[in-house]
Every structure is written in structure tokens, then in C-alpha cells.
Amino acid sequence: ISPVTYLRTMRLNRVRSDLRQRSASTVGDVAARWGFWHPSRFACEYKALFGESPSATRAASLCAA
């Protein structure tokens, strides 16, 4: 695994963690906080890693709360 891929994966995991915890922040705000500036590219990378969209992760966390 390349260093760039490793860092991207770590950042995506932090986004996922934040989406599960922060109810006031939007998906875009959380993604930007972790350095993802292109929403469509971010969503594709997120879905490729986790098998669901960022908004699905957010929705699941809001339903569980």
C-alpha cells in the first residue's frame, strides 16, 4: 500500500467516525474538515471503501440516536 493510499484511508475512516458521532455537521462539512474538497470524488472513494454512501452512514447514525 502506498503512503498516499494509507493516508487517504485513514482520513476516510476519520470521516466515517465523525459522521457517526456529529449530528450538527453536514456530510460536506465533515468531508472538508478532513481535506476532501471535491464532493463527488469523496463520495466515490468513500463508497468504494465502505460499501455505502456517506449520507447513508449519516442517516444510520441519526436513526440509531
C-alpha atoms as a PDB file:
ATOM      1  CA  ILE A   1       0.000   0.000   0.000  1.00  0.00           C
ATOM      2  CA  SER A   2       1.379   3.402  -0.918  1.00  0.00           C
ATOM      3  CA  PRO A   3       1.720   6.198   1.645  1.00  0.00           C
ATOM      4  CA  VAL A   4      -0.890   8.272  -0.198  1.00  0.00           C
ATOM      5  CA  THR A   5      -3.402   5.414  -0.157  1.00  0.00           C
ATOM      6  CA  TYR A   6      -2.728   4.789   3.514  1.00  0.00           C
ATOM      7  CA  LEU A   7      -3.293   8.448   4.427  1.00  0.00           C
ATOM      8  CA  ARG A   8      -6.471   8.662   2.325  1.00  0.00           C
ATOM      9  CA  THR A   9      -7.811   5.529   4.027  1.00  0.00           C
ATOM     10  CA  MET A  10      -7.024   6.958   7.455  1.00  0.00           C
ATOM     11  CA  ARG A  11      -8.795  10.231   6.577  1.00  0.00           C
ATOM     12  CA  LEU A  12     -11.818   8.351   5.218  1.00  0.00           C
ATOM     13  CA  ASN A  13     -12.006   6.359   8.451  1.00  0.00           C
ATOM     14  CA  ARG A  14     -11.983   9.606  10.448  1.00  0.00           C
ATOM     15  CA  VAL A  15     -14.792  10.968   8.269  1.00  0.00           C
ATOM     16  CA  ARG A  16     -16.810   7.810   8.927  1.00  0.00           C
ATOM     17  CA  SER A  17     -16.213   8.131  12.652  1.00  0.00           C
ATOM     18  CA  ASP A  18     -17.278  11.787  12.618  1.00  0.00           C
ATOM     19  CA  LEU A  19     -20.382  11.049  10.539  1.00  0.00           C
ATOM     20  CA  ARG A  20     -21.436   8.517  13.137  1.00  0.00           C
ATOM     21  CA  GLN A  21     -20.925  10.963  16.031  1.00  0.00           C
ATOM     22  CA  ARG A  22     -21.653  14.530  14.942  1.00  0.00           C
ATOM     23  CA  SER A  23     -25.292  15.253  14.352  1.00  0.00           C
ATOM     24  CA  ALA A  24     -24.939  19.008  13.701  1.00  0.00           C
ATOM     25  CA  SER A  25     -22.363  18.854  10.893  1.00  0.00           C
ATOM     26  CA  THR A  26     -23.287  18.146   7.292  1.00  0.00           C
ATOM     27  CA  VAL A  27     -21.562  15.451   5.268  1.00  0.00           C
ATOM     28  CA  GLY A  28     -19.837  18.178   3.254  1.00  0.00           C
ATOM     29  CA  ASP A  29     -18.588  19.923   6.392  1.00  0.00           C
ATOM     30  CA  VAL A  30     -17.151  16.709   7.793  1.00  0.00           C
ATOM     31  CA  ALA A  31     -15.512  15.816   4.472  1.00  0.00           C
ATOM     32  CA  ALA A  32     -13.960  19.280   4.185  1.00  0.00           C
ATOM     33  CA  ARG A  33     -12.716  19.080   7.768  1.00  0.00           C
ATOM     34  CA  TRP A  34     -10.673  16.030   6.722  1.00  0.00           C
ATOM     35  CA  GLY A  35      -9.400  17.576   3.481  1.00  0.00           C
ATOM     36  CA  PHE A  36     -11.842  16.236   0.905  1.00  0.00           C
ATOM     37  CA  TRP A  37     -12.688  19.214  -1.296  1.00  0.00           C
ATOM     38  CA  HIS A  38     -14.390  17.504  -4.258  1.00  0.00           C
ATOM     39  CA  PRO A  39     -17.761  16.101  -3.133  1.00  0.00           C
ATOM     40  CA  SER A  40     -18.259  13.633  -5.975  1.00  0.00           C
ATOM     41  CA  ARG A  41     -14.741  12.236  -5.745  1.00  0.00           C
ATOM     42  CA  PHE A  42     -15.044  11.996  -1.975  1.00  0.00           C
ATOM     43  CA  ALA A  43     -18.367  10.137  -2.258  1.00  0.00           C
ATOM     44  CA  CYS A  44     -16.904   7.657  -4.775  1.00  0.00           C
ATOM     45  CA  GLU A  45     -13.845   6.948  -2.614  1.00  0.00           C
ATOM     46  CA  TYR A  46     -15.999   6.612   0.499  1.00  0.00           C
ATOM     47  CA  LYS A  47     -18.414   4.192  -1.164  1.00  0.00           C
ATOM     48  CA  ALA A  48     -15.558   2.147  -2.623  1.00  0.00           C
ATOM     49  CA  LEU A  49     -14.042   1.713   0.852  1.00  0.00           C
ATOM     50  CA  PHE A  50     -17.168   1.245   2.980  1.00  0.00           C
ATOM     51  CA  GLY A  51     -19.805  -0.037   0.550  1.00  0.00           C
ATOM     52  CA  GLU A  52     -22.291   2.717   1.360  1.00  0.00           C
ATOM     53  CA  SER A  53     -22.610   6.414   0.680  1.00  0.00           C
ATOM     54  CA  PRO A  54     -21.583   8.994   3.275  1.00  0.00           C
ATOM     55  CA  SER A  55     -25.194  10.112   3.559  1.00  0.00           C
ATOM     56  CA  ALA A  56     -26.259   6.528   4.318  1.00  0.00           C
ATOM     57  CA  THR A  57     -23.740   6.419   7.164  1.00  0.00           C
ATOM     58  CA  ARG A  58     -25.112   9.739   8.445  1.00  0.00           C
ATOM     59  CA  ALA A  59     -28.704   8.562   8.179  1.00  0.00           C
ATOM     60  CA  ALA A  60     -27.956   5.335  10.033  1.00  0.00           C
ATOM     61  CA  SER A  61     -26.305   7.245  12.863  1.00  0.00           C
ATOM     62  CA  LEU A  62     -29.272   9.628  13.152  1.00  0.00           C
ATOM     63  CA  CYS A  63     -31.750   6.748  13.248  1.00  0.00           C
ATOM     64  CA  ALA A  64     -29.740   4.987  15.941  1.00  0.00           C
ATOM     65  CA  ALA A  65     -29.649   8.074  18.157  1.00  0.00           C
END
